[in-house]
Amino acid sequence: MKDYAMFTDFGNSMVGEIVKGAKHKNLTWSEVCDMLRTISEIKGCEEATDTAVREVVYCEMGFDK
């Protein structure tokens, strides 16, 4: 499992599923951020909007290229 800078394996798994789905659907960065905000309300995923998490996701999605 990839480390998305989340505090738990559950959190990393949730973010990983977002990345996987977002790549498949070719979502924009704004749409991905909305999804991260949504899961940040789930226990174990509160840090989904932290800068470290967003940076890893941004790179993993290929938006840094």
PDB file of N, CA and C in Angstrom:
ATOM      1  N   MET A   1       0.839  -1.176   0.000  1.00  0.00           N
ATOM      2  CA  MET A   1       0.000   0.000   0.000  1.00  0.00           C
ATOM      3  C   MET A   1       0.887   1.243   0.000  1.00  0.00           C
ATOM      4  N   LYS A   2       0.536   2.203  -0.813  1.00  0.00           N
ATOM      5  CA  LYS A   2       1.286   3.465  -0.879  1.00  0.00           C
ATOM      6  C   LYS A   2       1.010   4.304   0.359  1.00  0.00           C
ATOM      7  N   ASP A   3       2.030   5.012   0.796  1.00  0.00           N
ATOM      8  CA  ASP A   3       1.887   5.917   1.943  1.00  0.00           C
ATOM      9  C   ASP A   3       1.525   7.307   1.426  1.00  0.00           C
ATOM     10  N   TYR A   4       0.324   7.744   1.786  1.00  0.00           N
ATOM     11  CA  TYR A   4      -0.148   9.069   1.388  1.00  0.00           C
ATOM     12  C   TYR A   4      -0.032  10.075   2.525  1.00  0.00           C
ATOM     13  N   ALA A   5       0.830   9.791   3.489  1.00  0.00           N
ATOM     14  CA  ALA A   5       1.076  10.659   4.648  1.00  0.00           C
ATOM     15  C   ALA A   5      -0.116  10.710   5.597  1.00  0.00           C
ATOM     16  N   MET A   6      -0.971   9.696   5.509  1.00  0.00           N
ATOM     17  CA  MET A   6      -2.076   9.588   6.449  1.00  0.00           C
ATOM     18  C   MET A   6      -1.554   8.907   7.715  1.00  0.00           C
ATOM     19  N   PHE A   7      -2.256   9.074   8.821  1.00  0.00           N
ATOM     20  CA  PHE A   7      -1.798   8.540  10.099  1.00  0.00           C
ATOM     21  C   PHE A   7      -2.107   7.059  10.269  1.00  0.00           C
ATOM     22  N   THR A   8      -3.048   6.525   9.486  1.00  0.00           N
ATOM     23  CA  THR A   8      -3.450   5.127   9.644  1.00  0.00           C
ATOM     24  C   THR A   8      -3.446   4.407   8.302  1.00  0.00           C
ATOM     25  N   ASP A   9      -3.388   3.074   8.364  1.00  0.00           N
ATOM     26  CA  ASP A   9      -3.513   2.271   7.149  1.00  0.00           C
ATOM     27  C   ASP A   9      -4.881   2.486   6.512  1.00  0.00           C
ATOM     28  N   PHE A  10      -5.902   2.612   7.359  1.00  0.00           N
ATOM     29  CA  PHE A  10      -7.246   2.877   6.855  1.00  0.00           C
ATOM     30  C   PHE A  10      -7.262   4.179   6.048  1.00  0.00           C
ATOM     31  N   GLY A  11      -6.661   5.222   6.590  1.00  0.00           N
ATOM     32  CA  GLY A  11      -6.602   6.502   5.899  1.00  0.00           C
ATOM     33  C   GLY A  11      -5.849   6.410   4.588  1.00  0.00           C
ATOM     34  N   ASN A  12      -4.710   5.725   4.598  1.00  0.00           N
ATOM     35  CA  ASN A  12      -3.938   5.548   3.369  1.00  0.00           C
ATOM     36  C   ASN A  12      -4.741   4.779   2.328  1.00  0.00           C
ATOM     37  N   SER A  13      -5.491   3.778   2.788  1.00  0.00           N
ATOM     38  CA  SER A  13      -6.325   2.993   1.888  1.00  0.00           C
ATOM     39  C   SER A  13      -7.432   3.846   1.270  1.00  0.00           C
ATOM     40  N   MET A  14      -8.069   4.674   2.090  1.00  0.00           N
ATOM     41  CA  MET A  14      -9.138   5.539   1.590  1.00  0.00           C
ATOM     42  C   MET A  14      -8.605   6.523   0.551  1.00  0.00           C
ATOM     43  N   VAL A  15      -7.478   7.147   0.846  1.00  0.00           N
ATOM     44  CA  VAL A  15      -6.896   8.097  -0.103  1.00  0.00           C
ATOM     45  C   VAL A  15      -6.448   7.356  -1.368  1.00  0.00           C
ATOM     46  N   GLY A  16      -5.906   6.176  -1.199  1.00  0.00           N
ATOM     47  CA  GLY A  16      -5.502   5.370  -2.350  1.00  0.00           C
ATOM     48  C   GLY A  16      -6.668   5.072  -3.282  1.00  0.00           C
ATOM     49  N   GLU A  17      -7.828   4.794  -2.701  1.00  0.00           N
ATOM     50  CA  GLU A  17      -9.013   4.541  -3.516  1.00  0.00           C
ATOM     51  C   GLU A  17      -9.454   5.809  -4.252  1.00  0.00           C
ATOM     52  N   ILE A  18      -9.316   6.949  -3.602  1.00  0.00           N
ATOM     53  CA  ILE A  18      -9.636   8.213  -4.270  1.00  0.00           C
ATOM     54  C   ILE A  18      -8.710   8.416  -5.460  1.00  0.00           C
ATOM     55  N   VAL A  19      -7.418   8.216  -5.252  1.00  0.00           N
ATOM     56  CA  VAL A  19      -6.441   8.391  -6.333  1.00  0.00           C
ATOM     57  C   VAL A  19      -6.743   7.437  -7.485  1.00  0.00           C
ATOM     58  N   LYS A  20      -7.005   6.191  -7.149  1.00  0.00           N
ATOM     59  CA  LYS A  20      -7.297   5.181  -8.170  1.00  0.00           C
ATOM     60  C   LYS A  20      -8.525   5.585  -8.990  1.00  0.00           C
ATOM     61  N   GLY A  21      -9.599   5.949  -8.306  1.00  0.00           N
ATOM     62  CA  GLY A  21     -10.821   6.345  -9.005  1.00  0.00           C
ATOM     63  C   GLY A  21     -10.655   7.629  -9.791  1.00  0.00           C
ATOM     64  N   ALA A  22      -9.925   8.579  -9.214  1.00  0.00           N
ATOM     65  CA  ALA A  22      -9.718   9.867  -9.882  1.00  0.00           C
ATOM     66  C   ALA A  22      -8.896   9.696 -11.152  1.00  0.00           C
ATOM     67  N   LYS A  23      -7.909   8.828 -11.116  1.00  0.00           N
ATOM     68  CA  LYS A  23      -7.119   8.563 -12.324  1.00  0.00           C
ATOM     69  C   LYS A  23      -7.998   7.918 -13.393  1.00  0.00           C
ATOM     70  N   HIS A  24      -8.797   6.948 -12.962  1.00  0.00           N
ATOM     71  CA  HIS A  24      -9.673   6.238 -13.903  1.00  0.00           C
ATOM     72  C   HIS A  24     -10.671   7.189 -14.559  1.00  0.00           C
ATOM     73  N   LYS A  25     -11.196   8.131 -13.785  1.00  0.00           N
ATOM     74  CA  LYS A  25     -12.208   9.065 -14.298  1.00  0.00           C
ATOM     75  C   LYS A  25     -11.608  10.368 -14.826  1.00  0.00           C
ATOM     76  N   ASN A  26     -10.264  10.476 -14.749  1.00  0.00           N
ATOM     77  CA  ASN A  26      -9.566  11.669 -15.235  1.00  0.00           C
ATOM     78  C   ASN A  26     -10.099  12.940 -14.568  1.00  0.00           C
ATOM     79  N   LEU A  27     -10.224  12.904 -13.238  1.00  0.00           N
ATOM     80  CA  LEU A  27     -10.753  14.042 -12.496  1.00  0.00           C
ATOM     81  C   LEU A  27      -9.746  15.182 -12.408  1.00  0.00           C
ATOM     82  N   THR A  28     -10.246  16.374 -12.179  1.00  0.00           N
ATOM     83  CA  THR A  28      -9.401  17.553 -12.011  1.00  0.00           C
ATOM     84  C   THR A  28      -8.881  17.606 -10.572  1.00  0.00           C
ATOM     85  N   TRP A  29      -7.885  18.459 -10.341  1.00  0.00           N
ATOM     86  CA  TRP A  29      -7.348  18.644  -8.993  1.00  0.00           C
ATOM     87  C   TRP A  29      -8.436  19.154  -8.051  1.00  0.00           C
ATOM     88  N   SER A  30      -9.256  20.042  -8.517  1.00  0.00           N
ATOM     89  CA  SER A  30     -10.348  20.578  -7.704  1.00  0.00           C
ATOM     90  C   SER A  30     -11.306  19.469  -7.263  1.00  0.00           C
ATOM     91  N   GLU A  31     -11.621  18.569  -8.167  1.00  0.00           N
ATOM     92  CA  GLU A  31     -12.517  17.456  -7.834  1.00  0.00           C
ATOM     93  C   GLU A  31     -11.877  16.517  -6.815  1.00  0.00           C
ATOM     94  N   VAL A  32     -10.583  16.278  -6.969  1.00  0.00           N
ATOM     95  CA  VAL A  32      -9.865  15.422  -6.021  1.00  0.00           C
ATOM     96  C   VAL A  32      -9.844  16.082  -4.638  1.00  0.00           C
ATOM     97  N   CYS A  33      -9.586  17.379  -4.592  1.00  0.00           N
ATOM     98  CA  CYS A  33      -9.591  18.101  -3.310  1.00  0.00           C
ATOM     99  C   CYS A  33     -10.955  18.015  -2.633  1.00  0.00           C
ATOM    100  N   ASP A  34     -12.020  18.108  -3.407  1.00  0.00           N
ATOM    101  CA  ASP A  34     -13.364  17.964  -2.851  1.00  0.00           C
ATOM    102  C   ASP A  34     -13.547  16.594  -2.211  1.00  0.00           C
ATOM    103  N   MET A  35     -13.029  15.572  -2.853  1.00  0.00           N
ATOM    104  CA  MET A  35     -13.140  14.217  -2.315  1.00  0.00           C
ATOM    105  C   MET A  35     -12.322  14.079  -1.029  1.00  0.00           C
ATOM    106  N   LEU A  36     -11.139  14.685  -1.002  1.00  0.00           N
ATOM    107  CA  LEU A  36     -10.315  14.646   0.205  1.00  0.00           C
ATOM    108  C   LEU A  36     -11.022  15.361   1.349  1.00  0.00           C
ATOM    109  N   ARG A  37     -11.661  16.479   1.051  1.00  0.00           N
ATOM    110  CA  ARG A  37     -12.432  17.204   2.072  1.00  0.00           C
ATOM    111  C   ARG A  37     -13.567  16.334   2.609  1.00  0.00           C
ATOM    112  N   THR A  38     -14.218  15.631   1.731  1.00  0.00           N
ATOM    113  CA  THR A  38     -15.329  14.776   2.133  1.00  0.00           C
ATOM    114  C   THR A  38     -14.869  13.681   3.083  1.00  0.00           C
ATOM    115  N   ILE A  39     -13.784  12.998   2.736  1.00  0.00           N
ATOM    116  CA  ILE A  39     -13.357  11.902   3.623  1.00  0.00           C
ATOM    117  C   ILE A  39     -12.695  12.420   4.897  1.00  0.00           C
ATOM    118  N   SER A  40     -12.298  13.677   4.925  1.00  0.00           N
ATOM    119  CA  SER A  40     -11.672  14.209   6.143  1.00  0.00           C
ATOM    120  C   SER A  40     -12.664  14.250   7.308  1.00  0.00           C
ATOM    121  N   GLU A  41     -13.940  14.053   7.026  1.00  0.00           N
ATOM    122  CA  GLU A  41     -14.962  14.020   8.065  1.00  0.00           C
ATOM    123  C   GLU A  41     -15.162  12.627   8.652  1.00  0.00           C
ATOM    124  N   ILE A  42     -14.473  11.635   8.095  1.00  0.00           N
ATOM    125  CA  ILE A  42     -14.573  10.254   8.555  1.00  0.00           C
ATOM    126  C   ILE A  42     -13.495   9.990   9.602  1.00  0.00           C
ATOM    127  N   LYS A  43     -13.874   9.335  10.686  1.00  0.00           N
ATOM    128  CA  LYS A  43     -12.906   8.999  11.725  1.00  0.00           C
ATOM    129  C   LYS A  43     -11.784   8.155  11.114  1.00  0.00           C
ATOM    130  N   GLY A  44     -10.552   8.577  11.359  1.00  0.00           N
ATOM    131  CA  GLY A  44      -9.390   7.893  10.802  1.00  0.00           C
ATOM    132  C   GLY A  44      -8.879   8.532   9.524  1.00  0.00           C
ATOM    133  N   CYS A  45      -9.603   9.539   9.035  1.00  0.00           N
ATOM    134  CA  CYS A  45      -9.210  10.219   7.798  1.00  0.00           C
ATOM    135  C   CYS A  45      -9.159  11.729   7.974  1.00  0.00           C
ATOM    136  N   GLU A  46      -9.158  12.193   9.197  1.00  0.00           N
ATOM    137  CA  GLU A  46      -9.251  13.627   9.479  1.00  0.00           C
ATOM    138  C   GLU A  46      -8.152  14.448   8.816  1.00  0.00           C
ATOM    139  N   GLU A  47      -6.988  13.877   8.615  1.00  0.00           N
ATOM    140  CA  GLU A  47      -5.858  14.629   8.056  1.00  0.00           C
ATOM    141  C   GLU A  47      -5.818  14.596   6.524  1.00  0.00           C
ATOM    142  N   ALA A  48      -6.883  14.149   5.881  1.00  0.00           N
ATOM    143  CA  ALA A  48      -6.901  14.023   4.418  1.00  0.00           C
ATOM    144  C   ALA A  48      -6.674  15.355   3.705  1.00  0.00           C
ATOM    145  N   THR A  49      -6.931  16.472   4.382  1.00  0.00           N
ATOM    146  CA  THR A  49      -6.710  17.773   3.744  1.00  0.00           C
ATOM    147  C   THR A  49      -5.408  18.430   4.187  1.00  0.00           C
ATOM    148  N   ASP A  50      -4.608  17.727   4.978  1.00  0.00           N
ATOM    149  CA  ASP A  50      -3.313  18.274   5.394  1.00  0.00           C
ATOM    150  C   ASP A  50      -2.423  18.492   4.176  1.00  0.00           C
ATOM    151  N   THR A  51      -1.554  19.461   4.262  1.00  0.00           N
ATOM    152  CA  THR A  51      -0.663  19.799   3.154  1.00  0.00           C
ATOM    153  C   THR A  51       0.161  18.595   2.703  1.00  0.00           C
ATOM    154  N   ALA A  52       0.693  17.839   3.635  1.00  0.00           N
ATOM    155  CA  ALA A  52       1.538  16.688   3.279  1.00  0.00           C
ATOM    156  C   ALA A  52       0.756  15.674   2.447  1.00  0.00           C
ATOM    157  N   VAL A  53      -0.474  15.411   2.836  1.00  0.00           N
ATOM    158  CA  VAL A  53      -1.319  14.459   2.106  1.00  0.00           C
ATOM    159  C   VAL A  53      -1.629  15.007   0.716  1.00  0.00           C
ATOM    160  N   ARG A  54      -2.036  16.254   0.654  1.00  0.00           N
ATOM    161  CA  ARG A  54      -2.378  16.858  -0.642  1.00  0.00           C
ATOM    162  C   ARG A  54      -1.179  16.856  -1.586  1.00  0.00           C
ATOM    163  N   GLU A  55       0.024  17.102  -1.064  1.00  0.00           N
ATOM    164  CA  GLU A  55       1.218  17.107  -1.916  1.00  0.00           C
ATOM    165  C   GLU A  55       1.489  15.724  -2.504  1.00  0.00           C
ATOM    166  N   VAL A  56       1.363  14.689  -1.686  1.00  0.00           N
ATOM    167  CA  VAL A  56       1.590  13.326  -2.176  1.00  0.00           C
ATOM    168  C   VAL A  56       0.546  12.972  -3.234  1.00  0.00           C
ATOM    169  N   VAL A  57      -0.705  13.285  -2.960  1.00  0.00           N
ATOM    170  CA  VAL A  57      -1.781  12.985  -3.912  1.00  0.00           C
ATOM    171  C   VAL A  57      -1.571  13.771  -5.210  1.00  0.00           C
ATOM    172  N   TYR A  58      -1.230  15.029  -5.106  1.00  0.00           N
ATOM    173  CA  TYR A  58      -0.995  15.875  -6.281  1.00  0.00           C
ATOM    174  C   TYR A  58       0.061  15.242  -7.194  1.00  0.00           C
ATOM    175  N   CYS A  59       1.151  14.809  -6.610  1.00  0.00           N
ATOM    176  CA  CYS A  59       2.226  14.171  -7.383  1.00  0.00           C
ATOM    177  C   CYS A  59       1.779  12.819  -7.948  1.00  0.00           C
ATOM    178  N   GLU A  60       1.107  12.026  -7.115  1.00  0.00           N
ATOM    179  CA  GLU A  60       0.647  10.710  -7.540  1.00  0.00           C
ATOM    180  C   GLU A  60      -0.332  10.824  -8.719  1.00  0.00           C
ATOM    181  N   MET A  61      -1.121  11.879  -8.736  1.00  0.00           N
ATOM    182  CA  MET A  61      -2.070  12.104  -9.823  1.00  0.00           C
ATOM    183  C   MET A  61      -1.373  12.623 -11.080  1.00  0.00           C
ATOM    184  N   GLY A  62      -0.121  13.049 -10.961  1.00  0.00           N
ATOM    185  CA  GLY A  62       0.635  13.540 -12.110  1.00  0.00           C
ATOM    186  C   GLY A  62       0.402  14.997 -12.427  1.00  0.00           C
ATOM    187  N   PHE A  63      -0.217  15.723 -11.498  1.00  0.00           N
ATOM    188  CA  PHE A  63      -0.472  17.149 -11.730  1.00  0.00           C
ATOM    189  C   PHE A  63       0.806  17.984 -11.629  1.00  0.00           C
ATOM    190  N   ASP A  64       1.877  17.413 -11.110  1.00  0.00           N
ATOM    191  CA  ASP A  64       3.136  18.137 -10.961  1.00  0.00           C
ATOM    192  C   ASP A  64       3.975  18.140 -12.238  1.00  0.00           C
ATOM    193  N   LYS A  65       3.482  17.521 -13.272  1.00  0.00           N
ATOM    194  CA  LYS A  65       4.272  17.404 -14.509  1.00  0.00           C
ATOM    195  C   LYS A  65       3.837  18.386 -15.556  1.00  0.00           C
TER     196      LYS A  65
END
